[in-house]
Amino acid sequence: MKVGIAADHAGYALKQELIPSLRPLGAIQDLGTDSPDPVDYPDVAEALARALLSGAVDRGVLLCGSGVGASVAANKFPGIRAGLCHDTYSAHQGVEHDDMNVLVLGARVIGVELARELVRAFLGARFTHEERHERRLGKIKALEERVGRHGS
């Protein structure tokens, strides 16, 4: 599995801590930021979203201070299903039921060990393809198409 990881300045230190533990789980693509200097979270969210949508990575991990802003920004891209998760149940269930493809973490909210557990749960999970989950995912895709066409 190819995993993209991106963070703003608030998530930079946690990103650097997570990268070594991600390497055994698959190929890692670091999409920035490359220092603790201020950077806007929509920019790194866009870099990760574009990598996912192009097929350069299969899943993504996105970090900012709270995780909220990065989650909002990533979800503006049709086809991105980013979930802010600070517990392992949500990290795997979001993939199993909702086909979540971006795990968003709040670097100022959780510690390194919990972040590692969340990433393992997220990357180890698979979409179930149960009828009810397929139906709901289809409705999300239809909603994205309607909103994208009409702008409202």
Protein backbone atom coordinates (compact mmCIF):
# COMPACT_ATOMS: atom_id res chain seq x y z
CA MET A 1 0.00 0.00 0.00
CA LYS A 2 1.25 3.48 -0.86
CA VAL A 3 0.57 5.97 1.93
CA GLY A 4 0.80 9.74 1.65
CA ILE A 5 1.41 11.82 4.74
CA ALA A 6 1.12 15.60 5.01
CA ALA A 7 1.05 18.12 7.83
CA ASP A 8 1.02 21.82 8.45
CA HIS A 9 3.53 23.34 10.87
CA ALA A 10 1.45 22.28 13.90
CA GLY A 11 1.54 18.66 12.75
CA TYR A 12 5.14 18.65 11.51
CA ALA A 13 6.74 17.10 14.61
CA LEU A 14 4.12 14.33 14.83
CA LYS A 15 4.51 13.64 11.10
CA GLN A 16 8.25 13.19 11.59
CA GLU A 17 7.56 10.77 14.47
CA LEU A 18 5.06 8.75 12.42
CA ILE A 19 7.08 8.29 9.23
CA PRO A 20 9.49 5.65 10.62
CA SER A 21 6.61 3.59 12.01
CA LEU A 22 4.77 3.81 8.67
CA ARG A 23 7.63 2.45 6.56
CA PRO A 24 7.01 -1.24 7.45
CA LEU A 25 3.34 -0.82 6.50
CA GLY A 26 4.01 0.29 2.92
CA ALA A 27 5.64 2.87 0.68
CA ILE A 28 5.51 6.35 2.20
CA GLN A 29 5.25 9.60 0.29
CA ASP A 30 5.97 12.66 2.43
CA LEU A 31 3.94 15.51 0.96
CA GLY A 32 5.16 18.20 3.33
CA THR A 33 5.59 20.41 5.14
CA ASP A 34 9.33 20.07 5.50
CA SER A 35 9.88 22.25 8.57
CA PRO A 36 8.06 23.74 11.55
CA ASP A 37 7.83 27.08 9.73
CA PRO A 38 4.25 28.33 9.34
CA VAL A 39 2.29 26.88 6.43
CA ASP A 40 -1.46 26.89 5.77
CA TYR A 41 -3.27 23.58 6.30
CA PRO A 42 -5.39 23.92 3.11
CA ASP A 43 -2.17 23.75 1.08
CA VAL A 44 -1.00 20.45 2.56
CA ALA A 45 -4.54 19.05 2.48
CA GLU A 46 -4.66 19.85 -1.24
CA ALA A 47 -1.29 18.17 -1.86
CA LEU A 48 -2.50 15.00 -0.16
CA ALA A 49 -5.91 15.05 -1.88
CA ARG A 50 -4.33 15.45 -5.30
CA ALA A 51 -1.90 12.59 -4.63
CA LEU A 52 -4.83 10.34 -3.69
CA LEU A 53 -7.00 11.36 -6.61
CA SER A 54 -4.14 10.86 -9.10
CA GLY A 55 -3.42 7.38 -7.76
CA ALA A 56 0.07 8.29 -6.55
CA VAL A 57 -0.98 7.05 -3.09
CA ASP A 58 -3.70 4.66 -1.93
CA ARG A 59 -4.46 6.26 1.45
CA GLY A 60 -3.47 9.37 3.30
CA VAL A 61 -2.64 10.61 6.77
CA LEU A 62 -3.16 14.33 7.33
CA LEU A 63 -2.20 16.35 10.40
CA CYS A 64 -2.79 19.82 11.72
CA GLY A 65 -3.14 21.24 15.23
CA SER A 66 -6.68 20.10 15.98
CA GLY A 67 -7.32 18.09 12.82
CA VAL A 68 -10.50 20.05 12.16
CA GLY A 69 -9.22 22.53 9.58
CA ALA A 70 -7.30 19.91 7.62
CA SER A 71 -10.37 17.64 7.61
CA VAL A 72 -12.61 20.43 6.32
CA ALA A 73 -10.12 21.33 3.58
CA ALA A 74 -9.53 17.74 2.43
CA ASN A 75 -13.25 17.01 2.21
CA LYS A 76 -13.72 19.79 -0.35
CA PHE A 77 -12.27 17.42 -2.97
CA PRO A 78 -14.79 15.02 -4.55
CA GLY A 79 -13.61 11.49 -3.93
CA ILE A 80 -11.85 12.33 -0.68
CA ARG A 81 -13.40 10.87 2.43
CA ALA A 82 -11.37 12.32 5.29
CA GLY A 83 -12.23 11.49 8.86
CA LEU A 84 -10.90 13.12 12.00
CA CYS A 85 -10.29 10.22 14.39
CA HIS A 86 -8.85 10.20 17.86
CA ASP A 87 -9.93 6.65 18.79
CA THR A 88 -9.09 3.32 17.17
CA TYR A 89 -12.71 2.29 16.63
CA SER A 90 -13.40 5.29 14.41
CA ALA A 91 -10.08 4.86 12.60
CA HIS A 92 -10.94 1.34 11.39
CA GLN A 93 -14.72 1.66 11.24
CA GLY A 94 -14.42 4.73 9.02
CA VAL A 95 -12.68 2.57 6.44
CA GLU A 96 -14.86 -0.52 6.92
CA HIS A 97 -18.20 1.29 6.63
CA ASP A 98 -17.47 4.60 4.88
CA ASP A 99 -14.45 3.77 2.71
CA MET A 100 -12.52 6.58 4.42
CA ASN A 101 -9.32 7.23 2.49
CA VAL A 102 -7.75 9.96 4.65
CA LEU A 103 -7.12 9.70 8.38
CA VAL A 104 -6.90 13.15 9.94
CA LEU A 105 -5.19 13.62 13.29
CA GLY A 106 -4.94 16.56 15.64
CA ALA A 107 -1.28 16.83 16.63
CA ARG A 108 -2.10 19.09 19.57
CA VAL A 109 -4.81 16.71 20.76
CA ILE A 110 -3.19 13.26 20.79
CA GLY A 111 0.24 11.86 21.54
CA VAL A 112 2.66 9.89 19.40
CA GLU A 113 1.73 6.40 20.64
CA LEU A 114 -1.99 6.92 20.12
CA ALA A 115 -1.27 8.37 16.67
CA ARG A 116 0.69 5.22 15.79
CA GLU A 117 -2.19 3.02 16.96
CA LEU A 118 -4.68 5.04 14.93
CA VAL A 119 -2.57 4.82 11.79
CA ARG A 120 -2.19 1.04 12.20
CA ALA A 121 -5.96 0.65 12.68
CA PHE A 122 -6.67 2.85 9.64
CA LEU A 123 -4.19 1.15 7.33
CA GLY A 124 -5.14 -2.35 8.50
CA ALA A 125 -8.84 -1.85 7.80
CA ARG A 126 -10.64 -2.71 4.56
CA PHE A 127 -13.97 -1.52 3.17
CA THR A 128 -16.52 -4.29 3.77
CA HIS A 129 -18.49 -3.85 0.50
CA GLU A 130 -21.66 -4.78 2.39
CA GLU A 131 -24.76 -3.70 0.49
CA ARG A 132 -25.75 -1.01 2.99
CA HIS A 133 -22.28 0.51 2.94
CA GLU A 134 -22.09 0.40 -0.86
CA ARG A 135 -25.52 2.06 -1.01
CA ARG A 136 -24.48 4.85 1.34
CA LEU A 137 -21.19 5.40 -0.47
CA GLY A 138 -23.14 5.62 -3.73
CA LYS A 139 -25.31 8.32 -2.20
CA ILE A 140 -22.22 10.27 -1.12
CA LYS A 141 -20.81 10.06 -4.66
CA ALA A 142 -24.15 11.19 -6.13
CA LEU A 143 -24.24 14.09 -3.67
CA GLU A 144 -20.72 15.14 -4.74
CA GLU A 145 -21.82 15.08 -8.38
CA ARG A 146 -24.97 17.11 -7.72
CA VAL A 147 -23.18 19.70 -5.63
CA GLY A 148 -20.30 19.91 -8.11
CA ARG A 149 -22.66 20.48 -11.06
CA HIS A 150 -24.86 23.05 -9.42
CA GLY A 151 -22.45 24.68 -6.99
CA SER A 152 -24.94 24.47 -4.13
